[in-house]
């Protein structure tokens, strides 16, 4: 879970695996896969870094549980940010941002 702050000051946590996309115009809006939207005070870069750190911690813990030795990479994996000219929400007209891992896979997307 990652900690976020609503615009009204309320603190809560979100499961990064349930984040579908993040919009950043002008407010930062986190869209979950179940359709829930949260307007948060954190910026896009801060949220992306929190998600990366969360996933890195999970990988290290998983390696330790399986008896392996987890090594932390000297560099972070590069992520490509795709910007759309239109949002998936027809009425909003805001630009949206999708985070895409190397190879074109969207983080948290189910693989077949």
N, C-alpha and C. Protein backbone atom coordinates (compact mmCIF):
# COMPACT_ATOMS: atom_id res chain seq x y z
N UNK A 1 0.84 -1.18 0.00
CA UNK A 1 0.00 0.00 0.00
C UNK A 1 0.89 1.25 0.00
N UNK A 2 0.40 2.27 -0.67
CA UNK A 2 1.10 3.55 -0.65
C UNK A 2 0.20 4.58 0.00
N UNK A 3 0.81 5.51 0.72
CA UNK A 3 0.05 6.55 1.42
C UNK A 3 -0.16 7.73 0.49
N UNK A 4 -1.40 8.24 0.48
CA UNK A 4 -1.73 9.43 -0.29
C UNK A 4 -2.56 10.36 0.58
N UNK A 5 -2.67 11.61 0.14
CA UNK A 5 -3.43 12.62 0.88
C UNK A 5 -4.46 13.24 -0.05
N UNK A 6 -5.72 13.21 0.37
CA UNK A 6 -6.77 13.88 -0.40
C UNK A 6 -6.57 15.38 -0.31
N UNK A 7 -7.22 16.09 -1.21
CA UNK A 7 -7.12 17.55 -1.20
C UNK A 7 -7.68 18.15 0.09
N UNK A 8 -8.60 17.43 0.77
CA UNK A 8 -9.17 17.94 2.01
C UNK A 8 -8.30 17.62 3.23
N UNK A 9 -7.13 17.01 3.01
CA UNK A 9 -6.21 16.71 4.10
C UNK A 9 -6.33 15.31 4.67
N UNK A 10 -7.30 14.54 4.22
CA UNK A 10 -7.51 13.18 4.72
C UNK A 10 -6.40 12.27 4.19
N UNK A 11 -5.78 11.50 5.08
CA UNK A 11 -4.72 10.56 4.70
C UNK A 11 -5.33 9.17 4.57
N UNK A 12 -4.94 8.45 3.53
CA UNK A 12 -5.38 7.07 3.38
C UNK A 12 -4.37 6.34 2.50
N UNK A 13 -4.56 5.04 2.34
CA UNK A 13 -3.63 4.26 1.54
C UNK A 13 -4.36 3.61 0.37
N UNK A 14 -3.61 3.39 -0.70
CA UNK A 14 -4.14 2.81 -1.93
C UNK A 14 -3.24 1.65 -2.33
N UNK A 15 -3.84 0.57 -2.79
CA UNK A 15 -3.08 -0.55 -3.32
C UNK A 15 -2.60 -0.18 -4.73
N UNK A 16 -1.29 -0.10 -4.95
CA UNK A 16 -0.78 0.31 -6.27
C UNK A 16 -1.24 -0.62 -7.39
N UNK A 17 -1.52 -1.87 -7.08
CA UNK A 17 -1.97 -2.82 -8.10
C UNK A 17 -3.36 -2.47 -8.61
N UNK A 18 -4.12 -1.66 -7.86
CA UNK A 18 -5.47 -1.32 -8.28
C UNK A 18 -5.53 0.03 -9.01
N UNK A 19 -4.38 0.67 -9.21
CA UNK A 19 -4.36 1.95 -9.94
C UNK A 19 -4.35 1.66 -11.44
N UNK A 20 -5.35 2.21 -12.13
CA UNK A 20 -5.43 2.05 -13.59
C UNK A 20 -4.63 3.13 -14.29
N UNK A 21 -4.85 4.38 -13.88
CA UNK A 21 -4.13 5.50 -14.50
C UNK A 21 -4.14 6.70 -13.56
N UNK A 22 -3.30 7.69 -13.91
CA UNK A 22 -3.20 8.92 -13.14
C UNK A 22 -3.33 10.08 -14.12
N UNK A 23 -4.26 10.99 -13.85
CA UNK A 23 -4.42 12.19 -14.66
C UNK A 23 -3.78 13.35 -13.92
N UNK A 24 -3.23 14.27 -14.69
CA UNK A 24 -2.52 15.39 -14.06
C UNK A 24 -2.89 16.73 -14.67
N UNK A 25 -4.17 16.98 -14.87
CA UNK A 25 -4.54 18.28 -15.45
C UNK A 25 -5.79 18.84 -14.82
N UNK A 26 -5.79 19.90 -14.12
CA UNK A 26 -4.65 20.48 -13.40
C UNK A 26 -4.39 19.76 -12.09
N UNK A 27 -5.42 19.08 -11.54
CA UNK A 27 -5.24 18.33 -10.29
C UNK A 27 -4.76 16.92 -10.61
N UNK A 28 -4.13 16.29 -9.62
CA UNK A 28 -3.71 14.92 -9.78
C UNK A 28 -4.88 14.02 -9.38
N UNK A 29 -5.36 13.22 -10.34
CA UNK A 29 -6.50 12.34 -10.11
C UNK A 29 -6.04 10.90 -10.32
N UNK A 30 -6.24 10.06 -9.28
CA UNK A 30 -5.88 8.65 -9.35
C UNK A 30 -7.15 7.87 -9.68
N UNK A 31 -7.12 7.12 -10.79
CA UNK A 31 -8.25 6.30 -11.21
C UNK A 31 -7.94 4.85 -10.87
N UNK A 32 -8.84 4.21 -10.13
CA UNK A 32 -8.66 2.80 -9.79
C UNK A 32 -9.39 1.93 -10.80
N UNK A 33 -9.03 0.64 -10.85
CA UNK A 33 -9.64 -0.26 -11.81
C UNK A 33 -11.13 -0.47 -11.56
N UNK A 34 -11.60 -0.21 -10.34
CA UNK A 34 -13.03 -0.38 -10.04
C UNK A 34 -13.85 0.88 -10.36
N UNK A 35 -13.21 1.89 -10.94
CA UNK A 35 -13.90 3.11 -11.33
C UNK A 35 -13.83 4.23 -10.31
N UNK A 36 -13.29 3.98 -9.14
CA UNK A 36 -13.16 5.00 -8.10
C UNK A 36 -12.11 6.01 -8.51
N UNK A 37 -12.37 7.29 -8.23
CA UNK A 37 -11.42 8.36 -8.53
C UNK A 37 -11.08 9.10 -7.24
N UNK A 38 -9.81 9.42 -7.07
CA UNK A 38 -9.36 10.20 -5.92
C UNK A 38 -8.55 11.39 -6.42
N UNK A 39 -8.91 12.59 -5.95
CA UNK A 39 -8.11 13.78 -6.22
C UNK A 39 -7.13 13.89 -5.06
N UNK A 40 -5.83 13.82 -5.37
CA UNK A 40 -4.82 13.78 -4.32
C UNK A 40 -3.90 14.99 -4.43
N UNK A 41 -3.23 15.30 -3.33
CA UNK A 41 -2.34 16.46 -3.32
C UNK A 41 -0.94 16.12 -3.82
N UNK A 42 -0.57 14.83 -3.86
CA UNK A 42 0.75 14.43 -4.35
C UNK A 42 0.82 14.62 -5.86
N UNK A 43 2.00 14.90 -6.34
CA UNK A 43 2.22 15.05 -7.77
C UNK A 43 2.46 13.71 -8.44
N UNK A 44 2.47 13.74 -9.78
CA UNK A 44 2.66 12.52 -10.56
C UNK A 44 3.99 11.85 -10.24
N UNK A 45 5.08 12.63 -10.21
CA UNK A 45 6.41 12.06 -9.96
C UNK A 45 6.49 11.40 -8.59
N UNK A 46 5.89 12.02 -7.58
CA UNK A 46 5.90 11.45 -6.23
C UNK A 46 5.12 10.14 -6.21
N UNK A 47 3.96 10.10 -6.86
CA UNK A 47 3.18 8.87 -6.90
C UNK A 47 3.92 7.76 -7.64
N UNK A 48 4.54 8.09 -8.76
CA UNK A 48 5.28 7.11 -9.53
C UNK A 48 6.44 6.54 -8.72
N UNK A 49 7.15 7.41 -8.01
CA UNK A 49 8.26 6.96 -7.16
C UNK A 49 7.76 6.07 -6.03
N UNK A 50 6.62 6.40 -5.44
CA UNK A 50 6.05 5.59 -4.36
C UNK A 50 5.67 4.20 -4.87
N UNK A 51 5.09 4.15 -6.08
CA UNK A 51 4.70 2.86 -6.66
C UNK A 51 5.95 2.02 -6.96
N UNK A 52 6.98 2.64 -7.52
CA UNK A 52 8.23 1.93 -7.81
C UNK A 52 8.86 1.39 -6.53
N UNK A 53 8.91 2.20 -5.49
CA UNK A 53 9.49 1.77 -4.22
C UNK A 53 8.69 0.62 -3.61
N UNK A 54 7.36 0.71 -3.70
CA UNK A 54 6.50 -0.35 -3.17
C UNK A 54 6.78 -1.67 -3.88
N UNK A 55 6.89 -1.63 -5.19
CA UNK A 55 7.15 -2.86 -5.95
C UNK A 55 8.54 -3.41 -5.67
N UNK A 56 9.52 -2.54 -5.49
CA UNK A 56 10.87 -2.99 -5.17
C UNK A 56 10.90 -3.69 -3.82
N UNK A 57 10.20 -3.13 -2.85
CA UNK A 57 10.14 -3.75 -1.51
C UNK A 57 9.48 -5.11 -1.59
N UNK A 58 8.41 -5.22 -2.38
CA UNK A 58 7.74 -6.50 -2.53
C UNK A 58 8.66 -7.55 -3.16
N UNK A 59 9.43 -7.15 -4.16
CA UNK A 59 10.35 -8.09 -4.80
C UNK A 59 11.43 -8.58 -3.84
N UNK A 60 11.97 -7.66 -3.05
CA UNK A 60 13.00 -8.04 -2.08
C UNK A 60 12.42 -8.99 -1.04
N UNK A 61 11.23 -8.67 -0.53
CA UNK A 61 10.60 -9.53 0.48
C UNK A 61 10.29 -10.91 -0.10
N UNK A 62 9.83 -10.94 -1.35
CA UNK A 62 9.52 -12.22 -1.98
C UNK A 62 10.78 -13.07 -2.14
N UNK A 63 11.87 -12.46 -2.54
CA UNK A 63 13.13 -13.19 -2.67
C UNK A 63 13.59 -13.74 -1.33
N UNK A 64 13.43 -12.95 -0.27
CA UNK A 64 13.85 -13.40 1.05
C UNK A 64 12.97 -14.54 1.55
N UNK A 65 11.69 -14.50 1.24
CA UNK A 65 10.79 -15.57 1.66
C UNK A 65 11.11 -16.89 0.98
N UNK A 66 11.57 -16.83 -0.25
CA UNK A 66 11.89 -18.04 -0.98
C UNK A 66 13.33 -18.48 -0.77
N UNK A 67 14.02 -17.87 0.18
CA UNK A 67 15.37 -18.29 0.53
C UNK A 67 16.45 -17.75 -0.38
N UNK A 68 16.08 -16.90 -1.31
CA UNK A 68 17.07 -16.31 -2.22
C UNK A 68 17.67 -15.07 -1.61
N UNK A 69 18.69 -14.60 -2.23
CA UNK A 69 19.32 -13.36 -1.78
C UNK A 69 18.89 -12.28 -2.75
N UNK A 70 18.18 -11.32 -2.25
CA UNK A 70 17.68 -10.23 -3.10
C UNK A 70 18.73 -9.15 -3.21
N UNK A 71 18.98 -8.72 -4.41
CA UNK A 71 19.92 -7.64 -4.64
C UNK A 71 19.14 -6.46 -5.20
N UNK A 72 19.43 -5.30 -4.68
CA UNK A 72 18.78 -4.09 -5.15
C UNK A 72 19.59 -3.55 -6.33
N UNK A 73 18.91 -3.26 -7.41
CA UNK A 73 19.59 -2.77 -8.62
C UNK A 73 20.21 -1.40 -8.38
N UNK A 74 21.31 -1.14 -9.06
CA UNK A 74 21.96 0.16 -8.96
C UNK A 74 21.16 1.25 -9.66
N UNK A 75 20.32 0.86 -10.58
CA UNK A 75 19.50 1.82 -11.31
C UNK A 75 18.06 1.31 -11.34
N UNK A 76 17.16 2.23 -11.51
CA UNK A 76 15.75 1.86 -11.59
C UNK A 76 15.39 1.56 -13.04
N UNK A 77 14.40 0.69 -13.22
CA UNK A 77 13.93 0.40 -14.57
C UNK A 77 13.31 1.65 -15.19
N UNK A 78 13.56 1.85 -16.45
CA UNK A 78 12.99 2.99 -17.14
C UNK A 78 11.52 2.72 -17.44
N UNK A 79 10.69 3.73 -17.22
CA UNK A 79 9.29 3.64 -17.57
C UNK A 79 8.99 4.68 -18.63
N UNK A 80 8.13 4.33 -19.54
CA UNK A 80 7.72 5.24 -20.59
C UNK A 80 6.36 5.80 -20.22
N UNK A 81 6.18 7.10 -20.35
CA UNK A 81 4.90 7.74 -20.05
C UNK A 81 4.21 8.06 -21.36
N UNK A 82 3.01 7.50 -21.53
CA UNK A 82 2.22 7.78 -22.73
C UNK A 82 1.20 8.85 -22.40
N UNK A 83 1.13 9.87 -23.21
CA UNK A 83 0.16 10.93 -23.01
C UNK A 83 -0.86 10.87 -24.13
N UNK A 84 -2.11 10.92 -23.76
CA UNK A 84 -3.19 10.90 -24.74
C UNK A 84 -3.69 12.31 -24.95
N UNK A 85 -4.21 12.56 -26.14
CA UNK A 85 -4.77 13.88 -26.40
C UNK A 85 -6.16 14.00 -25.78
N UNK A 86 -6.80 12.87 -25.52
CA UNK A 86 -8.12 12.88 -24.89
C UNK A 86 -8.15 11.90 -23.74
N UNK A 87 -9.02 12.17 -22.80
CA UNK A 87 -9.19 11.30 -21.65
C UNK A 87 -10.15 10.18 -22.00
N UNK A 88 -10.14 9.12 -21.22
CA UNK A 88 -11.12 8.05 -21.39
C UNK A 88 -12.51 8.52 -20.98
N UNK A 89 -12.56 9.55 -20.14
CA UNK A 89 -13.84 10.13 -19.73
C UNK A 89 -14.22 11.15 -20.78
N UNK A 90 -15.25 10.87 -21.56
CA UNK A 90 -15.63 11.71 -22.68
C UNK A 90 -15.94 13.14 -22.27
N UNK A 91 -16.59 13.34 -21.12
CA UNK A 91 -17.05 14.67 -20.75
C UNK A 91 -15.99 15.54 -20.10
N UNK A 92 -14.89 14.95 -19.61
CA UNK A 92 -13.92 15.75 -18.86
C UNK A 92 -13.00 16.56 -19.76
N UNK A 93 -12.57 16.00 -20.89
CA UNK A 93 -11.68 16.72 -21.79
C UNK A 93 -10.26 16.89 -21.28
N UNK A 94 -9.92 16.30 -20.12
CA UNK A 94 -8.57 16.41 -19.56
C UNK A 94 -7.66 15.38 -20.20
N UNK A 95 -6.38 15.69 -20.20
CA UNK A 95 -5.39 14.74 -20.67
C UNK A 95 -5.16 13.70 -19.59
N UNK A 96 -4.86 12.49 -19.98
CA UNK A 96 -4.56 11.45 -19.01
C UNK A 96 -3.18 10.89 -19.29
N UNK A 97 -2.62 10.23 -18.29
CA UNK A 97 -1.28 9.68 -18.37
C UNK A 97 -1.35 8.21 -18.01
N UNK A 98 -0.78 7.34 -18.83
CA UNK A 98 -0.67 5.93 -18.54
C UNK A 98 0.80 5.62 -18.33
N UNK A 99 1.10 4.80 -17.34
CA UNK A 99 2.47 4.39 -17.08
C UNK A 99 2.67 3.04 -17.75
N UNK A 100 3.71 2.93 -18.57
CA UNK A 100 3.96 1.71 -19.31
C UNK A 100 5.37 1.25 -19.01
N UNK A 101 5.49 -0.01 -18.57
CA UNK A 101 6.78 -0.59 -18.26
C UNK A 101 7.51 -0.91 -19.56
N UNK A 102 8.82 -1.13 -19.50
CA UNK A 102 9.56 -1.51 -20.70
C UNK A 102 8.93 -2.75 -21.33
N UNK A 103 8.84 -2.76 -22.63
CA UNK A 103 8.21 -3.87 -23.33
C UNK A 103 6.74 -3.63 -23.60
N UNK A 104 6.20 -2.49 -23.14
CA UNK A 104 4.83 -2.15 -23.44
C UNK A 104 3.80 -2.63 -22.44
N UNK A 105 4.20 -3.35 -21.39
CA UNK A 105 3.24 -3.85 -20.40
C UNK A 105 2.85 -2.74 -19.44
N UNK A 106 1.59 -2.65 -19.14
CA UNK A 106 1.12 -1.66 -18.18
C UNK A 106 1.22 -2.28 -16.78
N UNK A 107 1.85 -1.57 -15.83
CA UNK A 107 1.97 -2.10 -14.47
C UNK A 107 0.59 -2.42 -13.90
N UNK A 108 0.48 -3.62 -13.31
CA UNK A 108 -0.78 -4.01 -12.68
C UNK A 108 -1.75 -4.66 -13.65
N UNK A 109 -1.42 -4.67 -14.95
CA UNK A 109 -2.32 -5.28 -15.93
C UNK A 109 -2.16 -6.78 -15.90
N UNK A 110 -3.26 -7.51 -16.04
CA UNK A 110 -3.20 -8.96 -16.06
C UNK A 110 -2.59 -9.43 -17.36
N UNK A 111 -1.72 -10.41 -17.27
CA UNK A 111 -1.12 -10.97 -18.47
C UNK A 111 -1.80 -12.27 -18.78
N UNK A 112 -2.05 -12.53 -20.06
CA UNK A 112 -2.70 -13.78 -20.46
C UNK A 112 -1.69 -14.85 -20.73
